[in-house]
Amino acid sequence: MGDDGVTVVTARELGRRSRAAVEAKDRQGWLDLFADDAVVQDPIGPSPFDPEGRGHRGRDAIAAFYDNVIAPSERITFEIERSYLCGDEVADVGTIRTTLAGGGHVAVVRGVYTYRSNGDGKLAALRAFWEFGATELIDA
């Protein structure tokens, strides 16, 4: 609780809610976590998901990221090994396992995933530090 008796939604809790919505394939629930001017950089820098490396800014771009990257997956799970909450941000260290469309392969991504709160209970940023070329592809 904050000094005024209002429950504060921490960046750690927003990160937990984000992961839960992705695992549940709850598109609207995931999108509702973001502020209107939020940014998603997953991964940070240029990648096939973001060729210019500028991130997906604003709710329409974040919705398109969900539709193009998250939705086609059969299943996504998160294993968070460590979490560091500092002010309005949290850095979660862990592994994401994504069962690709068709179910034959799982992409395993190890990295650091940061979530920044805007102070009003919404995500201002989701940034993922992982190497696209280091993704491990295993049989499902």
N, C-alpha and C. Protein backbone atom coordinates (compact mmCIF):
# COMPACT_ATOMS: atom_id res chain seq x y z
N MET A 1 0.84 -1.19 0.00
CA MET A 1 0.00 0.00 0.00
C MET A 1 0.87 1.25 0.00
N GLY A 2 0.40 2.24 -0.71
CA GLY A 2 1.07 3.53 -0.69
C GLY A 2 0.73 4.29 0.57
N ASP A 3 1.34 5.46 0.76
CA ASP A 3 1.11 6.27 1.95
C ASP A 3 -0.34 6.71 2.08
N ASP A 4 -1.06 6.80 0.95
CA ASP A 4 -2.44 7.25 0.98
C ASP A 4 -3.44 6.10 1.13
N GLY A 5 -2.93 4.88 1.39
CA GLY A 5 -3.80 3.73 1.58
C GLY A 5 -4.24 3.05 0.30
N VAL A 6 -3.78 3.55 -0.85
CA VAL A 6 -4.13 2.97 -2.14
C VAL A 6 -3.13 1.87 -2.47
N THR A 7 -3.62 0.74 -2.94
CA THR A 7 -2.74 -0.35 -3.33
C THR A 7 -1.94 0.05 -4.56
N VAL A 8 -0.62 -0.08 -4.47
CA VAL A 8 0.27 0.27 -5.57
C VAL A 8 0.53 -1.00 -6.39
N VAL A 9 0.34 -0.89 -7.69
CA VAL A 9 0.64 -2.00 -8.59
C VAL A 9 2.09 -1.83 -9.03
N THR A 10 2.93 -2.73 -8.56
CA THR A 10 4.35 -2.62 -8.87
C THR A 10 4.65 -3.11 -10.29
N ALA A 11 5.81 -2.73 -10.77
CA ALA A 11 6.27 -3.23 -12.07
C ALA A 11 6.37 -4.75 -12.03
N ARG A 12 6.77 -5.31 -10.90
CA ARG A 12 6.86 -6.77 -10.77
C ARG A 12 5.48 -7.40 -10.99
N GLU A 13 4.47 -6.82 -10.38
CA GLU A 13 3.11 -7.35 -10.54
C GLU A 13 2.62 -7.18 -11.97
N LEU A 14 2.93 -6.05 -12.59
CA LEU A 14 2.55 -5.85 -14.00
C LEU A 14 3.23 -6.88 -14.89
N GLY A 15 4.49 -7.18 -14.61
CA GLY A 15 5.19 -8.22 -15.37
C GLY A 15 4.53 -9.57 -15.18
N ARG A 16 4.16 -9.89 -13.95
CA ARG A 16 3.47 -11.16 -13.68
C ARG A 16 2.16 -11.23 -14.44
N ARG A 17 1.41 -10.13 -14.42
CA ARG A 17 0.13 -10.09 -15.15
C ARG A 17 0.33 -10.22 -16.65
N SER A 18 1.38 -9.60 -17.16
CA SER A 18 1.69 -9.70 -18.58
C SER A 18 1.96 -11.15 -18.97
N ARG A 19 2.80 -11.81 -18.20
CA ARG A 19 3.11 -13.21 -18.50
C ARG A 19 1.88 -14.10 -18.39
N ALA A 20 1.06 -13.87 -17.38
CA ALA A 20 -0.16 -14.67 -17.20
C ALA A 20 -1.11 -14.48 -18.38
N ALA A 21 -1.24 -13.26 -18.87
CA ALA A 21 -2.14 -13.00 -20.00
C ALA A 21 -1.61 -13.68 -21.27
N VAL A 22 -0.30 -13.64 -21.48
CA VAL A 22 0.28 -14.30 -22.65
C VAL A 22 0.07 -15.81 -22.55
N GLU A 23 0.35 -16.39 -21.38
CA GLU A 23 0.16 -17.83 -21.22
C GLU A 23 -1.29 -18.24 -21.44
N ALA A 24 -2.23 -17.38 -21.04
CA ALA A 24 -3.66 -17.67 -21.20
C ALA A 24 -4.18 -17.33 -22.59
N LYS A 25 -3.30 -16.75 -23.43
CA LYS A 25 -3.70 -16.29 -24.77
C LYS A 25 -4.83 -15.25 -24.67
N ASP A 26 -4.73 -14.40 -23.65
CA ASP A 26 -5.72 -13.34 -23.38
C ASP A 26 -5.23 -12.04 -24.01
N ARG A 27 -5.50 -11.89 -25.29
CA ARG A 27 -5.03 -10.73 -26.04
C ARG A 27 -5.48 -9.42 -25.40
N GLN A 28 -6.79 -9.29 -25.15
CA GLN A 28 -7.31 -8.04 -24.61
C GLN A 28 -6.77 -7.76 -23.22
N GLY A 29 -6.69 -8.79 -22.41
CA GLY A 29 -6.13 -8.62 -21.06
C GLY A 29 -4.69 -8.14 -21.11
N TRP A 30 -3.91 -8.67 -22.07
CA TRP A 30 -2.52 -8.25 -22.21
C TRP A 30 -2.45 -6.80 -22.68
N LEU A 31 -3.22 -6.47 -23.70
CA LEU A 31 -3.21 -5.10 -24.23
C LEU A 31 -3.66 -4.09 -23.18
N ASP A 32 -4.61 -4.46 -22.34
CA ASP A 32 -5.12 -3.54 -21.32
C ASP A 32 -4.08 -3.19 -20.26
N LEU A 33 -3.00 -3.94 -20.19
CA LEU A 33 -1.94 -3.64 -19.22
C LEU A 33 -1.09 -2.44 -19.63
N PHE A 34 -1.14 -2.06 -20.91
CA PHE A 34 -0.25 -1.04 -21.44
C PHE A 34 -0.88 0.35 -21.45
N ALA A 35 -0.06 1.35 -21.13
CA ALA A 35 -0.46 2.75 -21.29
C ALA A 35 -0.56 3.04 -22.79
N ASP A 36 -1.31 4.07 -23.13
CA ASP A 36 -1.53 4.41 -24.54
C ASP A 36 -0.23 4.69 -25.29
N ASP A 37 0.78 5.23 -24.61
CA ASP A 37 2.04 5.59 -25.26
C ASP A 37 3.18 4.62 -24.95
N ALA A 38 2.84 3.42 -24.53
CA ALA A 38 3.84 2.42 -24.15
C ALA A 38 4.66 1.94 -25.35
N VAL A 39 5.75 1.25 -25.03
CA VAL A 39 6.60 0.66 -26.07
C VAL A 39 6.93 -0.79 -25.68
N VAL A 40 6.94 -1.66 -26.69
CA VAL A 40 7.39 -3.04 -26.53
C VAL A 40 8.61 -3.20 -27.44
N GLN A 41 9.72 -3.62 -26.84
CA GLN A 41 10.94 -3.92 -27.59
C GLN A 41 11.31 -5.37 -27.24
N ASP A 42 10.94 -6.29 -28.12
CA ASP A 42 11.12 -7.72 -27.84
C ASP A 42 11.53 -8.44 -29.11
N PRO A 43 12.84 -8.63 -29.31
CA PRO A 43 13.96 -8.19 -28.49
C PRO A 43 14.32 -6.73 -28.78
N ILE A 44 15.20 -6.19 -27.96
CA ILE A 44 15.71 -4.84 -28.18
C ILE A 44 16.61 -4.86 -29.42
N GLY A 45 16.45 -3.87 -30.26
CA GLY A 45 17.27 -3.75 -31.46
C GLY A 45 16.62 -4.43 -32.66
N PRO A 46 17.27 -4.34 -33.80
CA PRO A 46 16.71 -4.94 -35.02
C PRO A 46 16.57 -6.46 -34.90
N SER A 47 15.46 -6.95 -35.43
CA SER A 47 15.19 -8.39 -35.48
C SER A 47 14.13 -8.61 -36.56
N PRO A 48 13.85 -9.86 -36.89
CA PRO A 48 12.75 -10.10 -37.83
C PRO A 48 11.40 -9.56 -37.32
N PHE A 49 11.26 -9.40 -36.01
CA PHE A 49 10.02 -8.86 -35.44
C PHE A 49 9.96 -7.34 -35.54
N ASP A 50 11.11 -6.70 -35.69
CA ASP A 50 11.22 -5.24 -35.68
C ASP A 50 12.47 -4.85 -36.48
N PRO A 51 12.40 -4.91 -37.82
CA PRO A 51 13.60 -4.72 -38.65
C PRO A 51 14.36 -3.42 -38.38
N GLU A 52 13.66 -2.35 -38.03
CA GLU A 52 14.34 -1.08 -37.77
C GLU A 52 14.86 -0.97 -36.34
N GLY A 53 14.39 -1.85 -35.45
CA GLY A 53 14.87 -1.87 -34.08
C GLY A 53 14.39 -0.73 -33.21
N ARG A 54 13.28 -0.13 -33.58
CA ARG A 54 12.77 1.02 -32.82
C ARG A 54 11.72 0.64 -31.78
N GLY A 55 11.25 -0.58 -31.82
CA GLY A 55 10.21 -1.00 -30.88
C GLY A 55 8.83 -0.77 -31.46
N HIS A 56 7.86 -1.29 -30.78
CA HIS A 56 6.45 -1.18 -31.17
C HIS A 56 5.82 -0.17 -30.22
N ARG A 57 5.53 1.03 -30.73
CA ARG A 57 5.10 2.14 -29.88
C ARG A 57 3.62 2.43 -30.06
N GLY A 58 2.92 2.53 -28.94
CA GLY A 58 1.50 2.83 -28.95
C GLY A 58 0.68 1.55 -29.02
N ARG A 59 -0.57 1.66 -28.63
CA ARG A 59 -1.42 0.47 -28.50
C ARG A 59 -1.66 -0.24 -29.83
N ASP A 60 -1.80 0.48 -30.92
CA ASP A 60 -2.04 -0.18 -32.21
C ASP A 60 -0.82 -1.02 -32.61
N ALA A 61 0.37 -0.47 -32.44
CA ALA A 61 1.59 -1.21 -32.79
C ALA A 61 1.80 -2.39 -31.85
N ILE A 62 1.47 -2.22 -30.58
CA ILE A 62 1.60 -3.32 -29.62
C ILE A 62 0.59 -4.41 -29.94
N ALA A 63 -0.62 -4.02 -30.34
CA ALA A 63 -1.62 -5.02 -30.76
C ALA A 63 -1.14 -5.78 -31.98
N ALA A 64 -0.53 -5.09 -32.93
CA ALA A 64 0.00 -5.76 -34.13
C ALA A 64 1.13 -6.72 -33.75
N PHE A 65 1.98 -6.33 -32.78
CA PHE A 65 3.03 -7.22 -32.30
C PHE A 65 2.39 -8.49 -31.72
N TYR A 66 1.36 -8.33 -30.92
CA TYR A 66 0.68 -9.51 -30.36
C TYR A 66 0.16 -10.40 -31.48
N ASP A 67 -0.53 -9.79 -32.44
CA ASP A 67 -1.16 -10.57 -33.52
C ASP A 67 -0.12 -11.29 -34.39
N ASN A 68 1.03 -10.67 -34.61
CA ASN A 68 2.04 -11.22 -35.51
C ASN A 68 3.07 -12.14 -34.84
N VAL A 69 3.32 -11.92 -33.55
CA VAL A 69 4.37 -12.66 -32.87
C VAL A 69 3.83 -13.62 -31.82
N ILE A 70 2.91 -13.16 -30.99
CA ILE A 70 2.43 -13.98 -29.88
C ILE A 70 1.29 -14.92 -30.32
N ALA A 71 0.30 -14.37 -31.00
CA ALA A 71 -0.91 -15.15 -31.33
C ALA A 71 -0.64 -16.41 -32.15
N PRO A 72 0.27 -16.40 -33.12
CA PRO A 72 0.47 -17.62 -33.92
C PRO A 72 1.05 -18.80 -33.13
N SER A 73 1.64 -18.54 -31.99
CA SER A 73 2.24 -19.60 -31.19
C SER A 73 1.16 -20.49 -30.59
N GLU A 74 1.48 -21.78 -30.48
CA GLU A 74 0.52 -22.70 -29.86
C GLU A 74 0.49 -22.52 -28.35
N ARG A 75 1.68 -22.28 -27.77
CA ARG A 75 1.77 -22.16 -26.32
C ARG A 75 3.03 -21.38 -25.97
N ILE A 76 2.95 -20.55 -24.94
CA ILE A 76 4.10 -19.82 -24.43
C ILE A 76 4.12 -19.97 -22.92
N THR A 77 5.29 -20.35 -22.38
CA THR A 77 5.45 -20.45 -20.93
C THR A 77 6.69 -19.67 -20.51
N PHE A 78 6.66 -19.22 -19.28
CA PHE A 78 7.75 -18.42 -18.71
C PHE A 78 8.28 -19.10 -17.46
N GLU A 79 9.58 -19.10 -17.32
CA GLU A 79 10.23 -19.59 -16.11
C GLU A 79 11.14 -18.47 -15.62
N ILE A 80 10.73 -17.76 -14.59
CA ILE A 80 11.52 -16.65 -14.05
C ILE A 80 12.38 -17.19 -12.91
N GLU A 81 13.69 -17.05 -13.07
CA GLU A 81 14.65 -17.55 -12.09
C GLU A 81 14.95 -16.52 -11.00
N ARG A 82 15.04 -15.27 -11.41
CA ARG A 82 15.34 -14.18 -10.49
C ARG A 82 14.60 -12.94 -10.93
N SER A 83 14.32 -12.07 -9.96
CA SER A 83 13.59 -10.84 -10.26
C SER A 83 14.17 -9.73 -9.39
N TYR A 84 14.43 -8.58 -10.03
CA TYR A 84 15.02 -7.45 -9.33
C TYR A 84 14.12 -6.23 -9.51
N LEU A 85 13.46 -5.82 -8.44
CA LEU A 85 12.57 -4.65 -8.48
C LEU A 85 13.36 -3.43 -8.03
N CYS A 86 13.38 -2.40 -8.87
CA CYS A 86 14.08 -1.15 -8.57
C CYS A 86 13.18 -0.01 -9.00
N GLY A 87 12.63 0.71 -8.04
CA GLY A 87 11.75 1.82 -8.37
C GLY A 87 10.56 1.36 -9.18
N ASP A 88 10.35 2.00 -10.33
CA ASP A 88 9.21 1.68 -11.19
C ASP A 88 9.54 0.62 -12.24
N GLU A 89 10.67 -0.08 -12.09
CA GLU A 89 11.05 -1.11 -13.06
C GLU A 89 11.41 -2.41 -12.36
N VAL A 90 11.23 -3.48 -13.10
CA VAL A 90 11.68 -4.79 -12.64
C VAL A 90 12.44 -5.45 -13.78
N ALA A 91 13.51 -6.16 -13.43
CA ALA A 91 14.25 -6.96 -14.40
C ALA A 91 14.08 -8.42 -13.98
N ASP A 92 13.46 -9.20 -14.83
CA ASP A 92 13.24 -10.62 -14.59
C ASP A 92 14.20 -11.42 -15.46
N VAL A 93 14.92 -12.34 -14.85
CA VAL A 93 15.86 -13.19 -15.54
C VAL A 93 15.22 -14.56 -15.68
N GLY A 94 15.18 -15.08 -16.90
CA GLY A 94 14.56 -16.38 -17.06
C GLY A 94 14.53 -16.88 -18.47
N THR A 95 13.62 -17.83 -18.69
CA THR A 95 13.51 -18.52 -19.97
C THR A 95 12.07 -18.49 -20.45
N ILE A 96 11.92 -18.22 -21.74
CA ILE A 96 10.61 -18.30 -22.39
C ILE A 96 10.65 -19.49 -23.33
N ARG A 97 9.62 -20.32 -23.24
CA ARG A 97 9.49 -21.46 -24.14
C ARG A 97 8.23 -21.24 -24.99
N THR A 98 8.43 -21.22 -26.30
CA THR A 98 7.34 -20.97 -27.23
C THR A 98 7.15 -22.18 -28.13
N THR A 99 6.00 -22.83 -28.00
CA THR A 99 5.66 -23.92 -28.92
C THR A 99 5.16 -23.26 -30.20
N LEU A 100 5.90 -23.48 -31.27
CA LEU A 100 5.61 -22.81 -32.53
C LEU A 100 4.35 -23.40 -33.18
N ALA A 101 3.76 -22.63 -34.08
CA ALA A 101 2.57 -23.08 -34.81
C ALA A 101 2.86 -24.44 -35.42
N GLY A 102 1.94 -25.35 -35.31
CA GLY A 102 2.11 -26.71 -35.80
C GLY A 102 2.55 -27.66 -34.71
N GLY A 103 3.11 -27.12 -33.62
CA GLY A 103 3.43 -27.91 -32.45
C GLY A 103 4.65 -28.79 -32.52
N GLY A 104 5.41 -28.75 -33.62
CA GLY A 104 6.54 -29.65 -33.75
C GLY A 104 7.82 -29.18 -33.07
N HIS A 105 7.94 -27.87 -32.86
CA HIS A 105 9.18 -27.33 -32.30
C HIS A 105 8.88 -26.32 -31.19
N VAL A 106 9.85 -26.22 -30.29
CA VAL A 106 9.78 -25.24 -29.21
C VAL A 106 11.00 -24.35 -29.32
N ALA A 107 10.76 -23.04 -29.33
CA ALA A 107 11.84 -22.06 -29.31
C ALA A 107 12.12 -21.72 -27.85
N VAL A 108 13.38 -21.86 -27.44
CA VAL A 108 13.78 -21.58 -26.07
C VAL A 108 14.64 -20.32 -26.07
N VAL A 109 14.18 -19.31 -25.34
CA VAL A 109 14.86 -18.02 -25.30
C VAL A 109 15.22 -17.70 -23.86
N ARG A 110 16.50 -17.51 -23.62
CA ARG A 110 16.98 -17.11 -22.29
C ARG A 110 17.33 -15.63 -22.34
N GLY A 111 16.91 -14.88 -21.30
CA GLY A 111 17.22 -13.46 -21.33
C GLY A 111 16.81 -12.73 -20.08
N VAL A 112 16.83 -11.43 -20.20
CA VAL A 112 16.41 -10.51 -19.14
C VAL A 112 15.24 -9.73 -19.71
N TYR A 113 14.15 -9.72 -18.96
CA TYR A 113 12.90 -9.10 -19.43
C TYR A 113 12.54 -8.00 -18.44
N THR A 114 12.45 -6.76 -18.94
CA THR A 114 12.18 -5.64 -18.05
C THR A 114 10.79 -5.06 -18.31
N TYR A 115 10.18 -4.64 -17.23
CA TYR A 115 8.86 -4.03 -17.27
C TYR A 115 8.95 -2.73 -16.49
N ARG A 116 8.47 -1.63 -17.09
CA ARG A 116 8.47 -0.33 -16.41
C ARG A 116 7.03 0.15 -16.25
N SER A 117 6.70 0.50 -15.04
CA SER A 117 5.37 1.04 -14.73
C SER A 117 5.35 2.53 -15.03
N ASN A 118 4.17 3.03 -15.40
CA ASN A 118 4.04 4.47 -15.60
C ASN A 118 3.61 5.17 -14.31
N GLY A 119 3.51 4.40 -13.22
CA GLY A 119 3.11 4.97 -11.94
C GLY A 119 1.62 5.00 -11.73
N ASP A 120 0.85 4.72 -12.78
CA ASP A 120 -0.61 4.72 -12.70
C ASP A 120 -1.18 3.33 -12.94
N GLY A 121 -0.39 2.30 -12.68
CA GLY A 121 -0.88 0.94 -12.80
C GLY A 121 -0.85 0.37 -14.21
N LYS A 122 -0.14 1.02 -15.12
CA LYS A 122 -0.03 0.54 -16.50
C LYS A 122 1.45 0.37 -16.86
N LEU A 123 1.69 -0.48 -17.84
CA LEU A 123 3.05 -0.64 -18.34
C LEU A 123 3.41 0.50 -19.28
N ALA A 124 4.54 1.13 -19.02
CA ALA A 124 5.09 2.14 -19.93
C ALA A 124 6.02 1.48 -20.93
N ALA A 125 6.66 0.37 -20.51
CA ALA A 125 7.60 -0.31 -21.39
C ALA A 125 7.76 -1.77 -20.99
N LEU A 126 7.89 -2.59 -22.00
CA LEU A 126 8.31 -3.99 -21.87
C LEU A 126 9.50 -4.11 -22.80
N ARG A 127 10.66 -4.44 -22.24
CA ARG A 127 11.89 -4.55 -23.04
C ARG A 127 12.51 -5.90 -22.76
N ALA A 128 12.88 -6.60 -23.80
CA ALA A 128 13.43 -7.94 -23.66
C ALA A 128 14.85 -7.98 -24.21
N PHE A 129 15.78 -8.37 -23.33
CA PHE A 129 17.18 -8.50 -23.69
C PHE A 129 17.45 -9.98 -23.97
N TRP A 130 17.49 -10.33 -25.25
CA TRP A 130 17.83 -11.69 -25.65
C TRP A 130 18.38 -11.64 -27.06
N GLU A 131 19.18 -12.66 -27.41
CA GLU A 131 19.83 -12.69 -28.70
C GLU A 131 19.04 -13.58 -29.67
N PHE A 132 18.53 -12.97 -30.72
CA PHE A 132 17.72 -13.71 -31.68
C PHE A 132 18.48 -14.92 -32.21
N GLY A 133 19.75 -14.73 -32.53
CA GLY A 133 20.57 -15.81 -33.08
C GLY A 133 20.91 -16.91 -32.08
N ALA A 134 20.68 -16.66 -30.80
CA ALA A 134 20.98 -17.65 -29.76
C ALA A 134 19.75 -18.46 -29.36
N THR A 135 18.63 -18.25 -30.05
CA THR A 135 17.42 -19.00 -29.75
C THR A 135 17.67 -20.48 -30.03
N GLU A 136 17.31 -21.30 -29.06
CA GLU A 136 17.47 -22.75 -29.20
C GLU A 136 16.15 -23.32 -29.72
N LEU A 137 16.21 -24.12 -30.75
CA LEU A 137 15.02 -24.76 -31.32
C LEU A 137 15.12 -26.25 -31.00
N ILE A 138 14.11 -26.77 -30.27
CA ILE A 138 14.11 -28.17 -29.88
C ILE A 138 12.81 -28.82 -30.34
N ASP A 139 12.81 -30.13 -30.44
CA ASP A 139 11.60 -30.86 -30.81
C ASP A 139 10.63 -30.80 -29.64
N ALA A 140 9.35 -30.68 -29.96
CA ALA A 140 8.32 -30.60 -28.92
C ALA A 140 8.10 -31.95 -28.27
